[in-house]
Amino acid sequence: MQNILQHIPKTDKLLQAIYAQNSDLNYPLVKSLVADFLISYKERLLSGGARLEIESCAKEVIKSYQNLTQKSLKPLVNATGIVVHTNLGRSVFSPVIVQEILPLLTRYNNLEYDEAKGCRSERYVHLQGLFKALLGAEDVLVVNNNAAAVFLIFNTFAKGKEVVVSRGELIEIGGSFRIPKVMEDSGAILREIGTTNKTHLRDYQEAINENTAMLFKAHKSNYAMSGFVKEVGFEEIVKLASERNLVDYYDLGSGYFGLNGFENSLKKFEPALEEIAKLNPSLVSFSGDKLLGGAQAGIIFGKKVLIDKLKKNQLLRMLRVDKFTIAALEATLNAYLENKIEKITTCHLLLKDKETLKKESQMLADLIPKEFEPKVIPTKSYSGGGAMPSHYLESFAVAIAAKDLVAFGLNEERLEKFLRARGIIARLENSAVLLDSRTLLEGDRERIAAVLEDLKNQNHKRDEEK
């Protein structure tokens, strides 16, 4: 054993070998990684592992250093056709919006400072005027996501009291976020009414008692029901809550403004924020980074007296948003207010027409090496973000079929994996790799073409070596 362990290099010698190969490394981090390496190397040797020269040991430590310091978050090409793709970061900021808010992020600002009075203010005032102009809302509060908004509202107005909700709306969304569990954890008491497929207004009326605090409606988000079904419209819930002196609350999930074409493409499937606001609801909450196209946030609007109570809840300190979220939302809302939604990437992608998508798909096909025999085909893309779960957007994509990959020694699964390893996220459909143009951004077509050109060249090189 002693003979084996004598092959373990001394710490100072290994450090010298590392810095001989790369002199720019952070010394404290390198020293920590050397200590970890020596422990693992000793275990390897005792388990019969191969002996390494000191230069090889140095290379392993340097590789660990590079893996550790390499940024984990990286830009990807979304060729899936899903616009608000939760796994790929949901809504994308346009360069114009980023440039607008950059001065606010790189300088001190008036996040919580009243310049006129020379005293402390609150961070939510920056959005109040915008929401009043866009929706006629009395007041607004922003927390770190819509799940936080739901929890805060339940905890503030229904702790120890009943919340009436249809069984058909006891939703679960991604990450195992379940309405019944959120209610339980917030201290609210769930009062289920109706059946899975049918709920009537009389079910709400009959459920109300002296311990009822709220009538709640949840957007179904990631599923839809059809056939022998019935649900109660929010306008009826608002009216009933007003008559019985209760809080009505709509968890809208993914909210959008019905502007510039959205009223035509989404209105039949999703209620616009303006329509909900006209009902004069007690409270409504929705996400900032879904159909709205802004930063991650839970946006709550409604009656000022209720928003004021939410602000007094001690939980708000844990759920509040920072200057980036406020700045990004302010820029996004201003774009809506000024009717410049081309600055909002999500809106731009959702509203692309078929002819534009077909033209852009042909542009991509023309860039891809002809050996792949790319074909422009009609396809279906989706909004994502829990909106329109059972409806699609007509789109066009470039398809690379499995039969055209045989010459490369690939099939569609292996090509998809090859692209994914290089930051291009495509989808598989009908024995082909599809690159949907709806979600491609500036420069993406060229990046896809370059990766496939590299694959072609690798294949040619292998053929020449045979």
Protein backbone atom coordinates (compact mmCIF):
# COMPACT_ATOMS: atom_id res chain seq x y z
CA MET A 1 0.00 0.00 0.00
CA GLN A 2 2.86 2.34 0.82
CA ASN A 3 4.24 1.86 -2.71
CA ILE A 4 0.88 2.79 -4.16
CA LEU A 5 0.44 5.93 -2.06
CA GLN A 6 3.90 7.25 -2.89
CA HIS A 7 2.54 8.04 -6.36
CA ILE A 8 0.28 10.73 -4.88
CA PRO A 9 1.92 14.09 -5.68
CA LYS A 10 2.73 16.62 -2.96
CA THR A 11 0.38 19.59 -2.82
CA ASP A 12 3.07 22.18 -3.64
CA LYS A 13 4.38 20.13 -6.58
CA LEU A 14 0.90 19.70 -7.99
CA LEU A 15 0.20 23.42 -7.63
CA GLN A 16 3.41 24.20 -9.52
CA ALA A 17 2.38 21.82 -12.31
CA ILE A 18 -1.07 23.45 -12.52
CA TYR A 19 0.27 26.99 -12.75
CA ALA A 20 2.86 25.89 -15.29
CA GLN A 21 -0.08 24.99 -17.53
CA ASN A 22 -2.34 27.95 -16.64
CA SER A 23 -1.12 30.91 -14.60
CA ASP A 24 -4.44 32.81 -14.54
CA LEU A 25 -6.34 30.62 -12.10
CA ASN A 26 -7.70 31.84 -8.77
CA TYR A 27 -5.29 30.44 -6.15
CA PRO A 28 -7.70 29.82 -3.20
CA LEU A 29 -10.09 27.94 -5.50
CA VAL A 30 -7.29 25.92 -7.08
CA LYS A 31 -5.93 24.99 -3.66
CA SER A 32 -9.39 23.77 -2.58
CA LEU A 33 -9.78 21.72 -5.77
CA VAL A 34 -6.30 20.22 -5.32
CA ALA A 35 -7.27 19.02 -1.83
CA ASP A 36 -10.44 17.40 -3.24
CA PHE A 37 -8.48 15.84 -6.09
CA LEU A 38 -5.84 14.31 -3.83
CA ILE A 39 -8.52 12.64 -1.69
CA SER A 40 -10.28 11.18 -4.73
CA TYR A 41 -6.98 10.17 -6.37
CA LYS A 42 -5.93 8.30 -3.23
CA GLU A 43 -9.24 6.40 -3.25
CA ARG A 44 -8.77 5.55 -6.93
CA LEU A 45 -5.29 4.19 -6.36
CA LEU A 46 -6.41 2.07 -3.40
CA SER A 47 -9.21 0.69 -5.59
CA GLY A 48 -6.74 -0.40 -8.24
CA GLY A 49 -6.99 2.66 -10.46
CA ALA A 50 -4.24 3.66 -12.87
CA ARG A 51 -1.36 5.85 -11.78
CA LEU A 52 -1.25 9.35 -13.30
CA GLU A 53 1.75 11.49 -14.09
CA ILE A 54 1.75 14.82 -12.30
CA GLU A 55 0.95 16.69 -15.54
CA SER A 56 -2.18 14.56 -15.94
CA CYS A 57 -3.14 15.26 -12.34
CA ALA A 58 -2.76 18.96 -13.07
CA LYS A 59 -4.99 18.66 -16.13
CA GLU A 60 -7.73 16.99 -14.09
CA VAL A 61 -7.68 19.80 -11.52
CA ILE A 62 -7.75 22.43 -14.28
CA LYS A 63 -10.70 20.66 -15.90
CA SER A 64 -12.54 20.68 -12.57
CA TYR A 65 -11.78 24.39 -12.25
CA GLN A 66 -13.15 25.12 -15.71
CA ASN A 67 -16.28 23.06 -15.13
CA LEU A 68 -16.94 24.87 -11.86
CA THR A 69 -16.39 28.39 -13.19
CA GLN A 70 -18.25 27.88 -16.46
CA LYS A 71 -21.61 29.65 -16.46
CA SER A 72 -24.47 27.21 -16.16
CA LEU A 73 -27.14 29.43 -17.74
CA LYS A 74 -26.61 29.74 -21.48
CA PRO A 75 -28.59 30.97 -24.49
CA LEU A 76 -30.43 28.32 -26.49
CA VAL A 77 -32.25 28.20 -29.80
CA ASN A 78 -35.93 27.45 -29.27
CA ALA A 79 -37.07 25.61 -32.39
CA THR A 80 -39.94 23.80 -30.62
CA GLY A 81 -42.70 26.20 -31.64
CA ILE A 82 -43.75 26.70 -28.01
CA VAL A 83 -43.59 30.47 -27.49
CA VAL A 84 -43.77 30.70 -23.69
CA HIS A 85 -41.63 27.64 -22.97
CA THR A 86 -41.27 27.27 -19.20
CA ASN A 87 -38.18 25.05 -19.45
CA LEU A 88 -36.48 27.52 -21.79
CA GLY A 89 -37.02 30.64 -19.69
CA ARG A 90 -40.60 31.59 -20.65
CA SER A 91 -40.83 35.07 -22.19
CA VAL A 92 -37.80 36.56 -23.91
CA PHE A 93 -36.83 40.21 -23.51
CA SER A 94 -36.22 42.20 -26.67
CA PRO A 95 -32.86 44.03 -26.92
CA VAL A 96 -34.84 47.30 -26.98
CA ILE A 97 -36.43 46.61 -23.58
CA VAL A 98 -33.08 45.55 -22.11
CA GLN A 99 -31.45 48.77 -23.33
CA GLU A 100 -34.27 50.81 -21.79
CA ILE A 101 -33.81 49.35 -18.33
CA LEU A 102 -30.00 49.09 -18.41
CA PRO A 103 -29.42 52.57 -16.88
CA LEU A 104 -31.71 51.64 -13.98
CA LEU A 105 -29.70 48.48 -13.28
CA THR A 106 -26.25 50.05 -13.54
CA ARG A 107 -26.99 53.20 -11.50
CA TYR A 108 -28.67 54.00 -8.21
CA ASN A 109 -32.37 54.72 -8.69
CA ASN A 110 -35.54 55.86 -6.95
CA LEU A 111 -36.93 52.38 -6.29
CA GLU A 112 -38.20 53.39 -2.83
CA TYR A 113 -37.41 57.11 -2.75
CA ASP A 114 -39.74 60.09 -3.17
CA GLU A 115 -37.61 62.79 -4.78
CA ALA A 116 -40.17 65.55 -4.22
CA LYS A 117 -40.54 64.89 -0.50
CA GLY A 118 -37.00 63.65 0.12
CA CYS A 119 -38.24 60.60 2.01
CA ARG A 120 -38.92 56.90 1.67
CA SER A 121 -41.59 55.77 -0.76
CA GLU A 122 -42.79 52.30 -1.81
CA ARG A 123 -41.63 50.32 -4.84
CA TYR A 124 -45.10 49.56 -6.17
CA VAL A 125 -45.96 53.18 -7.04
CA HIS A 126 -43.98 52.90 -10.28
CA LEU A 127 -46.61 50.56 -11.74
CA GLN A 128 -49.82 52.02 -10.32
CA GLY A 129 -50.32 54.67 -13.00
CA LEU A 130 -49.68 52.20 -15.80
CA PHE A 131 -52.20 49.67 -14.55
CA LYS A 132 -54.76 52.39 -13.95
CA ALA A 133 -54.31 53.63 -17.52
CA LEU A 134 -54.38 50.14 -19.05
CA LEU A 135 -57.07 48.52 -16.92
CA GLY A 136 -58.70 51.19 -14.81
CA ALA A 137 -57.44 49.27 -11.78
CA GLU A 138 -57.62 51.01 -8.41
CA ASP A 139 -54.31 49.59 -7.23
CA VAL A 140 -51.67 46.97 -8.00
CA LEU A 141 -49.21 44.83 -6.07
CA VAL A 142 -46.38 42.76 -7.53
CA VAL A 143 -44.79 39.72 -5.88
CA ASN A 144 -42.16 37.28 -7.13
CA ASN A 145 -44.50 34.92 -9.04
CA ASN A 146 -48.17 34.09 -9.39
CA ALA A 147 -47.93 31.16 -6.96
CA ALA A 148 -46.79 33.67 -4.33
CA ALA A 149 -49.72 35.91 -5.23
CA VAL A 150 -52.20 33.06 -4.72
CA PHE A 151 -50.66 32.14 -1.36
CA LEU A 152 -50.55 35.75 -0.14
CA ILE A 153 -54.18 36.39 -1.04
CA PHE A 154 -55.44 33.21 0.65
CA ASN A 155 -53.36 33.88 3.75
CA THR A 156 -54.51 37.51 4.03
CA PHE A 157 -58.24 37.10 3.50
CA ALA A 158 -59.09 33.47 4.25
CA LYS A 159 -56.82 32.23 7.04
CA GLY A 160 -59.05 30.03 9.18
CA LYS A 161 -61.96 30.72 6.85
CA GLU A 162 -63.53 28.96 3.88
CA VAL A 163 -62.74 29.52 0.21
CA VAL A 164 -65.42 28.26 -2.17
CA VAL A 165 -64.06 26.71 -5.38
CA SER A 166 -65.41 24.43 -8.09
CA ARG A 167 -64.06 20.85 -8.15
CA GLY A 168 -63.36 21.35 -11.84
CA GLU A 169 -60.83 24.06 -10.94
CA LEU A 170 -58.78 22.26 -8.28
CA ILE A 171 -55.78 22.49 -10.57
CA GLU A 172 -52.24 21.19 -10.46
CA ILE A 173 -49.65 22.92 -12.64
CA GLY A 174 -45.93 22.30 -13.22
CA GLY A 175 -43.76 21.70 -10.19
CA SER A 176 -46.64 20.03 -8.31
CA PHE A 177 -48.30 23.38 -7.48
CA ARG A 178 -51.72 22.26 -6.27
CA ILE A 179 -54.51 24.64 -5.28
CA PRO A 180 -55.77 22.45 -2.37
CA LYS A 181 -52.26 22.19 -0.90
CA VAL A 182 -51.59 25.92 -1.31
CA MET A 183 -54.86 26.67 0.49
CA GLU A 184 -53.96 24.31 3.29
CA ASP A 185 -50.49 25.81 3.74
CA SER A 186 -51.86 29.36 3.67
CA GLY A 187 -54.30 28.55 6.46
CA ALA A 188 -57.41 28.77 4.28
CA ILE A 189 -60.11 26.10 4.37
CA LEU A 190 -61.10 24.54 1.07
CA ARG A 191 -64.84 24.28 0.37
CA GLU A 192 -65.35 22.18 -2.78
CA ILE A 193 -68.54 22.58 -4.76
CA GLY A 194 -70.09 21.02 -7.86
CA THR A 195 -68.64 18.04 -9.67
CA THR A 196 -65.56 17.59 -11.81
CA ASN A 197 -67.45 18.41 -15.01
CA LYS A 198 -70.34 20.61 -13.86
CA THR A 199 -70.67 23.48 -11.42
CA HIS A 200 -73.72 25.78 -11.21
CA LEU A 201 -74.23 29.17 -9.60
CA ARG A 202 -76.55 27.57 -7.07
CA ASP A 203 -73.58 25.47 -5.87
CA TYR A 204 -71.80 28.68 -4.86
CA GLN A 205 -74.94 30.11 -3.28
CA GLU A 206 -75.63 27.00 -1.20
CA ALA A 207 -72.00 26.75 0.01
CA ILE A 208 -71.88 30.24 1.52
CA ASN A 209 -72.08 30.30 5.32
CA GLU A 210 -70.92 32.43 8.26
CA ASN A 211 -67.32 31.20 7.83
CA THR A 212 -67.06 31.91 4.10
CA ALA A 213 -64.45 34.51 3.18
CA MET A 214 -63.94 34.16 -0.56
CA LEU A 215 -65.38 32.92 -3.85
CA PHE A 216 -62.45 31.71 -5.93
CA LYS A 217 -62.07 30.95 -9.61
CA ALA A 218 -58.93 29.34 -11.09
CA HIS A 219 -57.89 29.36 -14.71
CA LYS A 220 -57.48 25.72 -15.76
CA SER A 221 -54.09 26.54 -17.27
CA ASN A 222 -52.81 23.24 -18.67
CA TYR A 223 -56.00 21.31 -19.45
CA ALA A 224 -59.46 21.82 -20.90
CA MET A 225 -62.78 20.04 -20.48
CA SER A 226 -65.35 19.49 -23.19
CA GLY A 227 -68.59 17.61 -23.65
CA PHE A 228 -71.12 17.47 -20.82
CA VAL A 229 -69.58 20.37 -18.87
CA LYS A 230 -70.58 23.65 -17.25
CA GLU A 231 -68.73 26.29 -15.27
CA VAL A 232 -69.82 29.57 -13.74
CA GLY A 233 -68.52 32.72 -15.39
CA PHE A 234 -66.46 35.10 -13.30
CA GLU A 235 -68.96 37.91 -13.82
CA GLU A 236 -71.58 35.84 -11.95
CA ILE A 237 -69.11 35.13 -9.16
CA VAL A 238 -68.27 38.84 -8.83
CA LYS A 239 -71.96 39.71 -8.59
CA LEU A 240 -72.66 37.03 -5.99
CA ALA A 241 -69.63 38.00 -3.89
CA SER A 242 -70.76 41.63 -3.90
CA GLU A 243 -74.27 40.66 -2.80
CA ARG A 244 -72.93 38.54 0.07
CA ASN A 245 -70.12 40.96 1.08
CA LEU A 246 -67.38 38.45 0.18
CA VAL A 247 -64.09 38.70 -1.66
CA ASP A 248 -64.12 37.42 -5.23
CA TYR A 249 -60.75 36.35 -6.61
CA TYR A 250 -59.68 35.11 -10.05
CA ASP A 251 -56.34 33.35 -10.42
CA LEU A 252 -56.01 34.06 -14.14
CA GLY A 253 -52.68 32.26 -14.51
CA SER A 254 -51.53 33.74 -17.82
CA GLY A 255 -53.01 37.16 -18.55
CA TYR A 256 -52.81 39.22 -21.72
CA PHE A 257 -53.91 42.61 -23.01
CA GLY A 258 -56.38 42.37 -25.90
CA LEU A 259 -54.43 44.65 -28.23
CA ASN A 260 -53.28 44.62 -31.87
CA GLY A 261 -54.59 41.29 -33.02
CA PHE A 262 -54.64 39.44 -29.73
CA GLU A 263 -58.40 39.95 -29.55
CA ASN A 264 -58.70 37.87 -32.71
CA SER A 265 -56.13 35.15 -32.01
CA LEU A 266 -56.71 34.56 -28.30
CA LYS A 267 -60.03 36.07 -27.26
CA LYS A 268 -62.13 32.98 -27.99
CA PHE A 269 -59.84 30.89 -25.79
CA GLU A 270 -58.53 33.26 -23.11
CA PRO A 271 -60.18 36.23 -21.32
CA ALA A 272 -58.31 39.50 -21.84
CA LEU A 273 -57.27 41.48 -18.80
CA GLU A 274 -59.39 44.44 -19.93
CA GLU A 275 -62.52 42.27 -19.99
CA ILE A 276 -61.88 40.99 -16.48
CA ALA A 277 -61.12 44.49 -15.18
CA LYS A 278 -64.45 45.81 -16.49
CA LEU A 279 -66.23 43.48 -14.06
CA ASN A 280 -64.81 45.52 -11.15
CA PRO A 281 -63.43 42.42 -9.39
CA SER A 282 -62.13 42.35 -5.85
CA LEU A 283 -58.80 40.75 -6.81
CA VAL A 284 -57.18 39.24 -9.89
CA SER A 285 -53.70 37.77 -10.20
CA PHE A 286 -51.64 36.59 -13.17
CA SER A 287 -48.05 35.98 -14.28
CA GLY A 288 -45.74 38.62 -15.67
CA ASP A 289 -43.59 36.33 -17.78
CA LYS A 290 -46.24 34.40 -19.70
CA LEU A 291 -48.54 35.96 -22.31
CA LEU A 292 -47.78 39.42 -20.92
CA GLY A 293 -44.20 38.98 -22.14
CA GLY A 294 -42.39 40.57 -19.20
CA ALA A 295 -40.37 39.56 -16.13
CA GLN A 296 -41.25 36.77 -13.73
CA ALA A 297 -43.75 38.20 -11.30
CA GLY A 298 -47.15 37.65 -9.73
CA ILE A 299 -49.24 40.71 -10.56
CA ILE A 300 -52.25 41.44 -8.36
CA PHE A 301 -54.75 44.16 -9.24
CA GLY A 302 -58.08 45.09 -7.79
CA LYS A 303 -59.71 47.20 -5.12
CA LYS A 304 -57.39 49.49 -3.21
CA VAL A 305 -58.78 48.64 0.21
CA LEU A 306 -57.91 44.97 -0.38
CA ILE A 307 -54.47 45.70 -1.89
CA ASP A 308 -53.71 47.81 1.20
CA LYS A 309 -54.45 44.79 3.40
CA LEU A 310 -52.13 42.62 1.29
CA LYS A 311 -49.35 45.18 1.76
CA LYS A 312 -49.70 44.90 5.54
CA ASN A 313 -49.19 41.13 5.53
CA GLN A 314 -45.72 40.35 6.90
CA LEU A 315 -45.31 37.70 4.18
CA LEU A 316 -44.95 40.45 1.59
CA ARG A 317 -41.42 41.18 2.80
CA MET A 318 -40.46 37.64 1.77
CA LEU A 319 -42.32 37.77 -1.53
CA ARG A 320 -41.52 41.24 -2.82
CA VAL A 321 -39.75 41.90 -6.11
CA ASP A 322 -36.51 43.74 -6.81
CA LYS A 323 -35.59 46.69 -9.05
CA PHE A 324 -35.04 44.49 -12.11
CA THR A 325 -38.59 43.15 -12.04
CA ILE A 326 -40.11 46.60 -11.46
CA ALA A 327 -38.02 48.13 -14.25
CA ALA A 328 -38.73 45.33 -16.73
CA LEU A 329 -42.47 45.39 -16.02
CA GLU A 330 -42.59 49.17 -16.29
CA ALA A 331 -40.88 49.05 -19.71
CA THR A 332 -43.18 46.24 -20.87
CA LEU A 333 -46.34 48.00 -19.72
CA ASN A 334 -45.20 51.24 -21.33
CA ALA A 335 -44.82 49.40 -24.61
CA TYR A 336 -48.45 48.28 -24.34
CA LEU A 337 -49.61 51.76 -23.34
CA GLU A 338 -47.80 53.36 -26.31
CA ASN A 339 -49.07 50.65 -28.66
CA LYS A 340 -45.52 49.49 -29.43
CA ILE A 341 -45.94 45.80 -28.77
CA GLU A 342 -43.33 44.97 -31.40
CA LYS A 343 -40.93 45.67 -28.51
CA ILE A 344 -42.42 42.67 -26.66
CA THR A 345 -40.94 39.48 -28.11
CA THR A 346 -43.73 37.19 -26.89
CA CYS A 347 -46.37 39.31 -28.64
CA HIS A 348 -44.28 39.46 -31.81
CA LEU A 349 -43.92 35.67 -31.95
CA LEU A 350 -47.55 34.90 -31.13
CA LEU A 351 -48.86 37.26 -33.80
CA LYS A 352 -46.67 36.06 -36.68
CA ASP A 353 -48.87 35.18 -39.67
CA LYS A 354 -48.62 32.03 -41.76
CA GLU A 355 -47.09 33.70 -44.81
CA THR A 356 -44.29 35.22 -42.75
CA LEU A 357 -43.62 31.88 -41.07
CA LYS A 358 -43.57 30.06 -44.40
CA LYS A 359 -41.13 32.61 -45.84
CA GLU A 360 -38.85 32.38 -42.79
CA SER A 361 -38.92 28.58 -42.93
CA GLN A 362 -37.84 28.68 -46.56
CA MET A 363 -35.00 31.03 -45.62
CA LEU A 364 -33.83 28.48 -43.06
CA ALA A 365 -34.17 25.59 -45.52
CA ASP A 366 -32.04 27.50 -48.03
CA LEU A 367 -29.26 27.91 -45.45
CA ILE A 368 -29.16 24.23 -44.41
CA PRO A 369 -26.78 22.01 -46.43
CA LYS A 370 -28.74 20.35 -49.25
CA GLU A 371 -27.40 16.95 -48.17
CA PHE A 372 -29.99 16.97 -45.37
CA GLU A 373 -32.80 17.52 -47.88
CA PRO A 374 -34.66 20.04 -45.66
CA LYS A 375 -38.36 20.47 -46.43
CA VAL A 376 -40.71 23.29 -45.46
CA ILE A 377 -43.93 21.85 -44.02
CA PRO A 378 -47.03 23.22 -42.26
CA THR A 379 -47.16 22.40 -38.57
CA LYS A 380 -48.74 23.38 -35.26
CA SER A 381 -47.13 25.56 -32.63
CA TYR A 382 -48.45 26.48 -29.18
CA SER A 383 -48.54 29.53 -26.94
CA GLY A 384 -47.32 27.62 -23.85
CA GLY A 385 -47.33 29.19 -20.42
CA GLY A 386 -50.61 27.53 -19.46
CA ALA A 387 -52.62 29.36 -22.11
CA MET A 388 -54.88 27.73 -24.72
CA PRO A 389 -53.94 24.17 -23.66
CA SER A 390 -56.17 22.51 -26.24
CA HIS A 391 -55.66 24.93 -29.14
CA TYR A 392 -52.79 25.50 -31.52
CA LEU A 393 -51.34 28.21 -33.76
CA GLU A 394 -50.80 27.42 -37.43
CA SER A 395 -47.12 27.54 -38.27
CA PHE A 396 -44.40 26.33 -40.64
CA ALA A 397 -41.25 24.38 -39.90
CA VAL A 398 -38.25 22.87 -41.62
CA ALA A 399 -38.30 19.08 -41.42
CA ILE A 400 -35.29 16.80 -41.72
CA ALA A 401 -36.62 13.27 -42.18
CA ALA A 402 -35.03 10.12 -40.79
CA LYS A 403 -34.69 8.63 -44.29
CA ASP A 404 -32.47 11.55 -45.32
CA LEU A 405 -30.10 10.97 -42.37
CA VAL A 406 -29.03 7.45 -43.29
CA ALA A 407 -26.02 8.76 -45.22
CA PHE A 408 -24.84 10.46 -42.02
CA GLY A 409 -25.25 7.32 -39.94
CA LEU A 410 -28.02 9.02 -37.98
CA ASN A 411 -31.72 8.73 -37.28
CA GLU A 412 -34.05 11.46 -36.06
CA GLU A 413 -33.39 10.73 -32.36
CA ARG A 414 -29.63 10.96 -32.78
CA LEU A 415 -29.88 14.18 -34.80
CA GLU A 416 -32.12 15.73 -32.16
CA LYS A 417 -29.56 14.79 -29.50
CA PHE A 418 -26.72 16.19 -31.65
CA LEU A 419 -28.53 19.51 -32.04
CA ARG A 420 -29.48 19.64 -28.36
CA ALA A 421 -25.84 19.15 -27.34
CA ARG A 422 -25.08 22.30 -29.34
CA GLY A 423 -27.84 24.41 -27.85
CA ILE A 424 -30.54 23.89 -30.47
CA ILE A 425 -33.80 22.54 -29.02
CA ALA A 426 -35.94 20.97 -31.74
CA ARG A 427 -38.84 18.54 -31.63
CA LEU A 428 -39.45 15.08 -33.05
CA GLU A 429 -42.56 14.39 -35.08
CA ASN A 430 -43.47 11.74 -37.66
CA SER A 431 -39.93 10.31 -37.94
CA ALA A 432 -38.41 13.74 -38.54
CA VAL A 433 -36.64 16.54 -36.70
CA LEU A 434 -38.76 19.71 -36.89
CA LEU A 435 -37.38 23.24 -36.59
CA ASP A 436 -40.44 25.47 -36.05
CA SER A 437 -39.94 29.03 -37.33
CA ARG A 438 -42.42 30.65 -34.95
CA THR A 439 -39.98 30.65 -32.04
CA LEU A 440 -36.75 31.41 -33.91
CA LEU A 441 -35.10 34.73 -33.02
CA GLU A 442 -32.60 36.87 -34.87
CA GLY A 443 -29.45 34.88 -35.65
CA ASP A 444 -31.01 31.50 -34.87
CA ARG A 445 -31.31 30.41 -38.49
CA GLU A 446 -27.63 31.06 -39.07
CA ARG A 447 -26.71 29.19 -35.89
CA ILE A 448 -28.74 26.13 -36.93
CA ALA A 449 -27.22 26.17 -40.41
CA ALA A 450 -23.68 26.43 -38.99
CA VAL A 451 -24.21 23.42 -36.70
CA LEU A 452 -25.57 21.30 -39.55
CA GLU A 453 -22.73 22.45 -41.82
CA ASP A 454 -20.29 21.30 -39.15
CA LEU A 455 -22.05 17.93 -38.97
CA LYS A 456 -21.79 17.59 -42.75
CA ASN A 457 -18.07 18.40 -42.68
CA GLN A 458 -17.46 15.89 -39.88
CA ASN A 459 -19.18 13.23 -41.96
CA HIS A 460 -17.11 14.06 -45.05
CA LYS A 461 -13.91 13.93 -43.01
CA ARG A 462 -14.79 10.46 -41.70
CA ASP A 463 -15.52 9.28 -45.23
CA GLU A 464 -12.11 10.53 -46.39
CA GLU A 465 -10.32 8.75 -43.53
CA LYS A 466 -11.90 5.39 -44.39
